[in-house]
PDB file of N, CA and C in Angstrom:
ATOM      1  N   MET A   1       0.684  -1.248   0.131  1.00  0.00           N
ATOM      2  CA  MET A   1       0.072  -0.118  -0.010  1.00  0.00           C
ATOM      3  C   MET A   1       0.912   1.304   0.036  1.00  0.00           C
ATOM      4  N   ALA A   2       0.461   2.220  -0.684  1.00  0.00           N
ATOM      5  CA  ALA A   2       1.265   3.680  -0.887  1.00  0.00           C
ATOM      6  C   ALA A   2       1.410   4.187   0.351  1.00  0.00           C
ATOM      7  N   ASN A   3       2.297   5.088   0.655  1.00  0.00           N
ATOM      8  CA  ASN A   3       2.372   6.108   1.837  1.00  0.00           C
ATOM      9  C   ASN A   3       1.188   7.148   1.569  1.00  0.00           C
ATOM     10  N   GLN A   4       0.388   7.223   2.628  1.00  0.00           N
ATOM     11  CA  GLN A   4      -0.543   8.302   2.367  1.00  0.00           C
ATOM     12  C   GLN A   4      -0.645   8.988   3.768  1.00  0.00           C
ATOM     13  N   THR A   5      -0.834  10.322   3.584  1.00  0.00           N
ATOM     14  CA  THR A   5      -1.023  11.212   4.626  1.00  0.00           C
ATOM     15  C   THR A   5      -1.998  12.167   4.678  1.00  0.00           C
ATOM     16  N   GLU A   6      -2.898  12.226   5.942  1.00  0.00           N
ATOM     17  CA  GLU A   6      -4.115  12.781   5.834  1.00  0.00           C
ATOM     18  C   GLU A   6      -3.556  14.234   6.317  1.00  0.00           C
ATOM     19  N   LEU A   7      -4.098  15.442   5.716  1.00  0.00           N
ATOM     20  CA  LEU A   7      -3.730  16.892   5.865  1.00  0.00           C
ATOM     21  C   LEU A   7      -4.947  17.679   6.323  1.00  0.00           C
ATOM     22  N   GLU A   8      -4.739  18.506   7.410  1.00  0.00           N
ATOM     23  CA  GLU A   8      -5.942  19.200   7.815  1.00  0.00           C
ATOM     24  C   GLU A   8      -6.616  20.237   6.991  1.00  0.00           C
ATOM     25  N   SER A   9      -5.939  20.808   6.013  1.00  0.00           N
ATOM     26  CA  SER A   9      -6.373  21.307   5.000  1.00  0.00           C
ATOM     27  C   SER A   9      -5.630  21.338   3.686  1.00  0.00           C
ATOM     28  N   LEU A  10      -6.164  22.078   2.562  1.00  0.00           N
ATOM     29  CA  LEU A  10      -5.683  21.851   1.264  1.00  0.00           C
ATOM     30  C   LEU A  10      -4.651  23.129   1.091  1.00  0.00           C
ATOM     31  N   PRO A  11      -3.325  22.886   1.027  1.00  0.00           N
ATOM     32  CA  PRO A  11      -2.385  24.235   0.895  1.00  0.00           C
ATOM     33  C   PRO A  11      -2.656  24.999  -0.165  1.00  0.00           C
ATOM     34  N   LYS A  12      -2.526  26.241   0.075  1.00  0.00           N
ATOM     35  CA  LYS A  12      -2.672  27.322  -1.159  1.00  0.00           C
ATOM     36  C   LYS A  12      -1.736  26.744  -2.461  1.00  0.00           C
ATOM     37  N   ALA A  13      -2.211  26.929  -3.645  1.00  0.00           N
ATOM     38  CA  ALA A  13      -1.533  26.505  -4.918  1.00  0.00           C
ATOM     39  C   ALA A  13      -0.284  27.732  -4.987  1.00  0.00           C
ATOM     40  N   SER A  14       0.669  27.047  -5.435  1.00  0.00           N
ATOM     41  CA  SER A  14       1.855  27.754  -5.694  1.00  0.00           C
ATOM     42  C   SER A  14       1.768  28.521  -6.831  1.00  0.00           C
ATOM     43  N   SER A  15       2.315  29.737  -6.839  1.00  0.00           N
ATOM     44  CA  SER A  15       2.280  30.644  -8.208  1.00  0.00           C
ATOM     45  C   SER A  15       3.409  30.399  -9.029  1.00  0.00           C
ATOM     46  N   GLY A  16       3.820  29.191  -9.056  1.00  0.00           N
ATOM     47  CA  GLY A  16       5.093  28.939  -9.756  1.00  0.00           C
ATOM     48  C   GLY A  16       6.393  29.656  -9.729  1.00  0.00           C
ATOM     49  N   GLY A  17       6.846  30.212  -8.753  1.00  0.00           N
ATOM     50  CA  GLY A  17       7.975  30.773  -8.384  1.00  0.00           C
ATOM     51  C   GLY A  17       7.738  32.415  -8.506  1.00  0.00           C
ATOM     52  N   GLY A  18       6.477  32.916  -8.538  1.00  0.00           N
ATOM     53  CA  GLY A  18       6.439  34.227  -8.475  1.00  0.00           C
ATOM     54  C   GLY A  18       6.868  35.113  -9.760  1.00  0.00           C
ATOM     55  N   THR A  19       7.052  34.277 -10.760  1.00  0.00           N
ATOM     56  CA  THR A  19       7.125  35.138 -12.208  1.00  0.00           C
ATOM     57  C   THR A  19       5.740  34.845 -12.941  1.00  0.00           C
ATOM     58  N   GLU A  20       5.500  35.871 -13.723  1.00  0.00           N
ATOM     59  CA  GLU A  20       4.333  36.074 -14.420  1.00  0.00           C
ATOM     60  C   GLU A  20       4.842  35.846 -16.237  1.00  0.00           C
ATOM     61  N   ARG A  21       4.025  35.168 -16.650  1.00  0.00           N
ATOM     62  CA  ARG A  21       4.158  35.008 -17.847  1.00  0.00           C
ATOM     63  C   ARG A  21       4.126  36.231 -19.016  1.00  0.00           C
ATOM     64  N   TYR A  22       3.368  37.071 -18.470  1.00  0.00           N
ATOM     65  CA  TYR A  22       2.936  38.514 -19.139  1.00  0.00           C
ATOM     66  C   TYR A  22       3.170  39.471 -18.363  1.00  0.00           C
ATOM     67  N   PRO A  23       3.704  40.874 -18.856  1.00  0.00           N
ATOM     68  CA  PRO A  23       3.941  42.052 -18.049  1.00  0.00           C
ATOM     69  C   PRO A  23       2.603  42.560 -17.440  1.00  0.00           C
ATOM     70  N   TRP A  24       1.861  41.870 -16.655  1.00  0.00           N
ATOM     71  CA  TRP A  24       0.659  42.546 -16.194  1.00  0.00           C
ATOM     72  C   TRP A  24       0.613  43.758 -15.454  1.00  0.00           C
ATOM     73  N   HIS A  25       1.882  43.853 -14.789  1.00  0.00           N
ATOM     74  CA  HIS A  25       2.279  45.123 -13.895  1.00  0.00           C
ATOM     75  C   HIS A  25       2.150  46.424 -15.064  1.00  0.00           C
ATOM     76  N   ASP A  26       2.661  46.191 -16.031  1.00  0.00           N
ATOM     77  CA  ASP A  26       2.555  47.354 -17.136  1.00  0.00           C
ATOM     78  C   ASP A  26       1.176  47.371 -17.620  1.00  0.00           C
ATOM     79  N   TRP A  27       0.741  46.277 -18.356  1.00  0.00           N
ATOM     80  CA  TRP A  27      -0.519  46.219 -18.773  1.00  0.00           C
ATOM     81  C   TRP A  27      -1.797  46.568 -18.236  1.00  0.00           C
ATOM     82  N   LEU A  28      -1.705  46.506 -16.913  1.00  0.00           N
ATOM     83  CA  LEU A  28      -2.861  46.569 -15.902  1.00  0.00           C
ATOM     84  C   LEU A  28      -2.702  48.001 -15.464  1.00  0.00           C
ATOM     85  N   ASN A  29      -1.885  48.831 -15.853  1.00  0.00           N
ATOM     86  CA  ASN A  29      -1.733  50.100 -15.086  1.00  0.00           C
ATOM     87  C   ASN A  29      -2.750  51.213 -15.279  1.00  0.00           C
ATOM     88  N   GLY A  30      -3.865  51.249 -15.979  1.00  0.00           N
ATOM     89  CA  GLY A  30      -4.840  52.135 -16.267  1.00  0.00           C
ATOM     90  C   GLY A  30      -4.809  52.591 -17.617  1.00  0.00           C
ATOM     91  N   ARG A  31      -3.675  52.667 -18.177  1.00  0.00           N
ATOM     92  CA  ARG A  31      -3.252  53.133 -19.470  1.00  0.00           C
ATOM     93  C   ARG A  31      -3.886  51.998 -20.770  1.00  0.00           C
ATOM     94  N   VAL A  32      -4.245  52.646 -21.836  1.00  0.00           N
ATOM     95  CA  VAL A  32      -4.622  51.610 -22.813  1.00  0.00           C
ATOM     96  C   VAL A  32      -3.444  51.051 -23.783  1.00  0.00           C
ATOM     97  N   TRP A  33      -3.412  49.849 -23.858  1.00  0.00           N
ATOM     98  CA  TRP A  33      -2.350  49.075 -24.302  1.00  0.00           C
ATOM     99  C   TRP A  33      -3.116  48.282 -25.679  1.00  0.00           C
ATOM    100  N   GLU A  34      -2.023  48.325 -26.774  1.00  0.00           N
ATOM    101  CA  GLU A  34      -2.396  47.799 -27.872  1.00  0.00           C
ATOM    102  C   GLU A  34      -1.550  46.214 -27.834  1.00  0.00           C
ATOM    103  N   ILE A  35      -2.330  45.156 -27.514  1.00  0.00           N
ATOM    104  CA  ILE A  35      -1.606  43.843 -27.450  1.00  0.00           C
ATOM    105  C   ILE A  35      -1.746  43.142 -28.856  1.00  0.00           C
ATOM    106  N   THR A  36      -0.524  42.813 -29.549  1.00  0.00           N
ATOM    107  CA  THR A  36      -0.791  42.233 -30.648  1.00  0.00           C
ATOM    108  C   THR A  36      -0.266  40.657 -30.568  1.00  0.00           C
ATOM    109  N   ARG A  37      -0.453  39.847 -31.471  1.00  0.00           N
ATOM    110  CA  ARG A  37      -0.433  38.386 -31.547  1.00  0.00           C
ATOM    111  C   ARG A  37       0.949  37.994 -31.095  1.00  0.00           C
ATOM    112  N   GLY A  38       1.971  38.673 -31.575  1.00  0.00           N
ATOM    113  CA  GLY A  38       3.186  38.520 -31.206  1.00  0.00           C
ATOM    114  C   GLY A  38       3.656  38.739 -29.600  1.00  0.00           C
ATOM    115  N   ASP A  39       2.677  39.523 -28.930  1.00  0.00           N
ATOM    116  CA  ASP A  39       2.858  39.884 -27.330  1.00  0.00           C
ATOM    117  C   ASP A  39       2.258  38.684 -26.463  1.00  0.00           C
ATOM    118  N   TYR A  40       1.717  37.858 -26.866  1.00  0.00           N
ATOM    119  CA  TYR A  40       0.961  36.724 -26.360  1.00  0.00           C
ATOM    120  C   TYR A  40       1.050  35.328 -27.187  1.00  0.00           C
ATOM    121  N   ASP A  41       1.188  34.194 -26.551  1.00  0.00           N
ATOM    122  CA  ASP A  41       1.391  33.028 -27.455  1.00  0.00           C
ATOM    123  C   ASP A  41       0.258  32.212 -26.934  1.00  0.00           C
ATOM    124  N   ILE A  42      -0.696  32.291 -26.701  1.00  0.00           N
ATOM    125  CA  ILE A  42      -1.917  31.538 -26.450  1.00  0.00           C
ATOM    126  C   ILE A  42      -3.248  31.987 -27.320  1.00  0.00           C
ATOM    127  N   THR A  43      -4.383  31.093 -27.387  1.00  0.00           N
ATOM    128  CA  THR A  43      -5.440  31.557 -28.435  1.00  0.00           C
ATOM    129  C   THR A  43      -5.988  32.913 -27.850  1.00  0.00           C
ATOM    130  N   GLU A  44      -6.827  33.520 -28.774  1.00  0.00           N
ATOM    131  CA  GLU A  44      -7.492  34.816 -28.156  1.00  0.00           C
ATOM    132  C   GLU A  44      -8.339  34.751 -27.265  1.00  0.00           C
ATOM    133  N   ILE A  45      -9.062  33.648 -27.065  1.00  0.00           N
ATOM    134  CA  ILE A  45     -10.080  33.444 -26.212  1.00  0.00           C
ATOM    135  C   ILE A  45      -9.239  33.210 -24.663  1.00  0.00           C
ATOM    136  N   GLY A  46      -8.054  32.629 -25.199  1.00  0.00           N
ATOM    137  CA  GLY A  46      -7.385  32.364 -23.711  1.00  0.00           C
ATOM    138  C   GLY A  46      -6.622  33.655 -23.182  1.00  0.00           C
ATOM    139  N   PHE A  47      -6.536  34.397 -24.022  1.00  0.00           N
ATOM    140  CA  PHE A  47      -5.576  35.985 -23.596  1.00  0.00           C
ATOM    141  C   PHE A  47      -6.646  36.479 -22.796  1.00  0.00           C
ATOM    142  N   ARG A  48      -7.851  36.498 -23.497  1.00  0.00           N
ATOM    143  CA  ARG A  48      -9.029  37.309 -22.698  1.00  0.00           C
ATOM    144  C   ARG A  48      -9.266  36.837 -21.465  1.00  0.00           C
ATOM    145  N   SER A  49      -9.226  35.362 -21.362  1.00  0.00           N
ATOM    146  CA  SER A  49      -9.375  34.639 -20.098  1.00  0.00           C
ATOM    147  C   SER A  49      -8.320  35.233 -19.097  1.00  0.00           C
ATOM    148  N   VAL A  50      -7.114  35.069 -19.312  1.00  0.00           N
ATOM    149  CA  VAL A  50      -5.870  35.367 -18.217  1.00  0.00           C
ATOM    150  C   VAL A  50      -5.945  36.740 -18.087  1.00  0.00           C
ATOM    151  N   ALA A  51      -6.161  37.554 -18.949  1.00  0.00           N
ATOM    152  CA  ALA A  51      -6.129  39.154 -18.658  1.00  0.00           C
ATOM    153  C   ALA A  51      -7.337  39.242 -17.614  1.00  0.00           C
ATOM    154  N   CYS A  52      -8.436  38.907 -17.986  1.00  0.00           N
ATOM    155  CA  CYS A  52      -9.401  39.005 -16.873  1.00  0.00           C
ATOM    156  C   CYS A  52      -8.916  38.417 -15.372  1.00  0.00           C
ATOM    157  N   THR A  53      -8.760  37.522 -15.604  1.00  0.00           N
ATOM    158  CA  THR A  53      -8.088  36.777 -14.233  1.00  0.00           C
ATOM    159  C   THR A  53      -7.019  37.498 -13.737  1.00  0.00           C
ATOM    160  N   ALA A  54      -6.227  38.071 -14.510  1.00  0.00           N
ATOM    161  CA  ALA A  54      -5.073  38.969 -13.838  1.00  0.00           C
ATOM    162  C   ALA A  54      -5.607  40.165 -13.320  1.00  0.00           C
ATOM    163  N   ALA A  55      -6.465  40.765 -14.025  1.00  0.00           N
ATOM    164  CA  ALA A  55      -6.866  42.114 -13.478  1.00  0.00           C
ATOM    165  C   ALA A  55      -7.543  41.978 -12.268  1.00  0.00           C
ATOM    166  N   GLY A  56      -8.393  40.718 -12.292  1.00  0.00           N
ATOM    167  CA  GLY A  56      -9.233  40.277 -10.997  1.00  0.00           C
ATOM    168  C   GLY A  56      -8.487  40.208  -9.629  1.00  0.00           C
ATOM    169  N   LYS A  57      -7.428  39.477  -9.852  1.00  0.00           N
ATOM    170  CA  LYS A  57      -6.424  39.208  -8.895  1.00  0.00           C
ATOM    171  C   LYS A  57      -5.956  40.659  -8.216  1.00  0.00           C
ATOM    172  N   ARG A  58      -6.109  41.600  -8.939  1.00  0.00           N
ATOM    173  CA  ARG A  58      -5.559  42.758  -8.661  1.00  0.00           C
ATOM    174  C   ARG A  58      -6.584  43.924  -8.167  1.00  0.00           C
ATOM    175  N   GLY A  59      -7.949  43.308  -8.075  1.00  0.00           N
ATOM    176  CA  GLY A  59      -8.711  44.218  -7.823  1.00  0.00           C
ATOM    177  C   GLY A  59      -9.392  45.013  -8.864  1.00  0.00           C
ATOM    178  N   LEU A  60      -9.161  44.477  -9.924  1.00  0.00           N
ATOM    179  CA  LEU A  60      -9.615  45.476 -11.197  1.00  0.00           C
ATOM    180  C   LEU A  60     -10.472  44.738 -12.181  1.00  0.00           C
ATOM    181  N   ARG A  61     -10.644  45.585 -13.385  1.00  0.00           N
ATOM    182  CA  ARG A  61     -11.429  44.959 -14.219  1.00  0.00           C
ATOM    183  C   ARG A  61     -10.942  45.104 -15.456  1.00  0.00           C
ATOM    184  N   ALA A  62     -10.842  44.068 -16.340  1.00  0.00           N
ATOM    185  CA  ALA A  62     -10.183  44.434 -17.662  1.00  0.00           C
ATOM    186  C   ALA A  62     -11.388  44.637 -18.757  1.00  0.00           C
ATOM    187  N   LYS A  63     -10.924  45.666 -19.165  1.00  0.00           N
ATOM    188  CA  LYS A  63     -11.760  46.300 -20.726  1.00  0.00           C
ATOM    189  C   LYS A  63     -10.979  45.789 -21.819  1.00  0.00           C
ATOM    190  N   ILE A  64     -11.406  44.862 -22.607  1.00  0.00           N
ATOM    191  CA  ILE A  64     -10.767  44.485 -23.935  1.00  0.00           C
ATOM    192  C   ILE A  64     -11.674  44.499 -25.112  1.00  0.00           C
ATOM    193  N   ARG A  65     -10.924  44.952 -25.974  1.00  0.00           N
ATOM    194  CA  ARG A  65     -11.673  45.271 -27.635  1.00  0.00           C
ATOM    195  C   ARG A  65     -10.799  44.872 -28.463  1.00  0.00           C
ATOM    196  N   LYS A  66     -11.218  43.926 -29.647  1.00  0.00           N
ATOM    197  CA  LYS A  66     -10.474  43.307 -30.497  1.00  0.00           C
ATOM    198  C   LYS A  66     -10.495  44.230 -31.700  1.00  0.00           C
ATOM    199  N   GLN A  67      -9.412  44.439 -32.265  1.00  0.00           N
ATOM    200  CA  GLN A  67      -9.170  45.322 -33.384  1.00  0.00           C
ATOM    201  C   GLN A  67      -9.374  44.829 -34.618  1.00  0.00           C
ATOM    202  N   PRO A  68      -9.806  45.425 -35.794  1.00  0.00           N
ATOM    203  CA  PRO A  68      -9.922  44.676 -36.801  1.00  0.00           C
ATOM    204  C   PRO A  68      -8.550  43.799 -37.448  1.00  0.00           C
ATOM    205  N   ASP A  69      -7.421  44.456 -37.224  1.00  0.00           N
ATOM    206  CA  ASP A  69      -6.115  43.815 -37.531  1.00  0.00           C
ATOM    207  C   ASP A  69      -5.879  42.523 -36.446  1.00  0.00           C
ATOM    208  N   GLY A  70      -6.734  42.215 -35.672  1.00  0.00           N
ATOM    209  CA  GLY A  70      -6.585  41.039 -34.794  1.00  0.00           C
ATOM    210  C   GLY A  70      -5.830  41.454 -33.545  1.00  0.00           C
ATOM    211  N   ALA A  71      -5.394  42.705 -33.443  1.00  0.00           N
ATOM    212  CA  ALA A  71      -4.672  43.079 -32.090  1.00  0.00           C
ATOM    213  C   ALA A  71      -5.825  43.459 -31.114  1.00  0.00           C
ATOM    214  N   PHE A  72      -5.529  43.483 -29.696  1.00  0.00           N
ATOM    215  CA  PHE A  72      -6.453  43.780 -28.618  1.00  0.00           C
ATOM    216  C   PHE A  72      -6.084  45.091 -28.081  1.00  0.00           C
ATOM    217  N   LEU A  73      -6.936  45.585 -27.582  1.00  0.00           N
ATOM    218  CA  LEU A  73      -7.059  46.942 -26.684  1.00  0.00           C
ATOM    219  C   LEU A  73      -7.190  46.643 -25.427  1.00  0.00           C
ATOM    220  N   LEU A  74      -6.518  46.719 -24.488  1.00  0.00           N
ATOM    221  CA  LEU A  74      -6.561  46.496 -23.196  1.00  0.00           C
ATOM    222  C   LEU A  74      -6.249  47.669 -21.991  1.00  0.00           C
ATOM    223  N   GLN A  75      -7.433  47.742 -21.240  1.00  0.00           N
ATOM    224  CA  GLN A  75      -7.226  48.662 -20.170  1.00  0.00           C
ATOM    225  C   GLN A  75      -7.835  48.210 -18.978  1.00  0.00           C
ATOM    226  N   ALA A  76      -7.219  48.219 -17.897  1.00  0.00           N
ATOM    227  CA  ALA A  76      -7.738  47.952 -16.622  1.00  0.00           C
ATOM    228  C   ALA A  76      -8.266  49.246 -15.980  1.00  0.00           C
ATOM    229  N   VAL A  77      -9.592  48.843 -15.184  1.00  0.00           N
ATOM    230  CA  VAL A  77     -10.295  49.693 -14.736  1.00  0.00           C
ATOM    231  C   VAL A  77     -10.646  49.177 -13.255  1.00  0.00           C
ATOM    232  N   PRO A  78     -10.830  50.344 -12.295  1.00  0.00           N
ATOM    233  CA  PRO A  78     -11.480  49.821 -11.185  1.00  0.00           C
ATOM    234  C   PRO A  78     -12.800  48.971 -11.092  1.00  0.00           C
ATOM    235  N   ARG A  79     -12.952  48.014 -10.344  1.00  0.00           N
ATOM    236  CA  ARG A  79     -14.316  47.441 -10.280  1.00  0.00           C
ATOM    237  C   ARG A  79     -15.081  48.269  -9.936  1.00  0.00           C
ATOM    238  N   GLY A  80     -16.389  48.013 -10.345  1.00  0.00           N
ATOM    239  CA  GLY A  80     -17.626  48.677  -9.850  1.00  0.00           C
ATOM    240  C   GLY A  80     -18.405  49.559 -10.802  1.00  0.00           C
TER     241      GLY A  80
END
């Protein structure tokens, strides 16, 4: 039988060493950013999702608009 240990609670998930894949500190500073396909390496739907999640973790809301050329305009605003 495998070695099993019962824990009192589930530990918090690791953030992967504290590094972020994208420069959210810059992109979520309240200014409007044009984010092009070369700036991210996931699907468009995936990028929208991670941008909204990153903003939410900072108490912000991400406003995202897709441009005709495929770029996104991204701006973080306060929730509410």
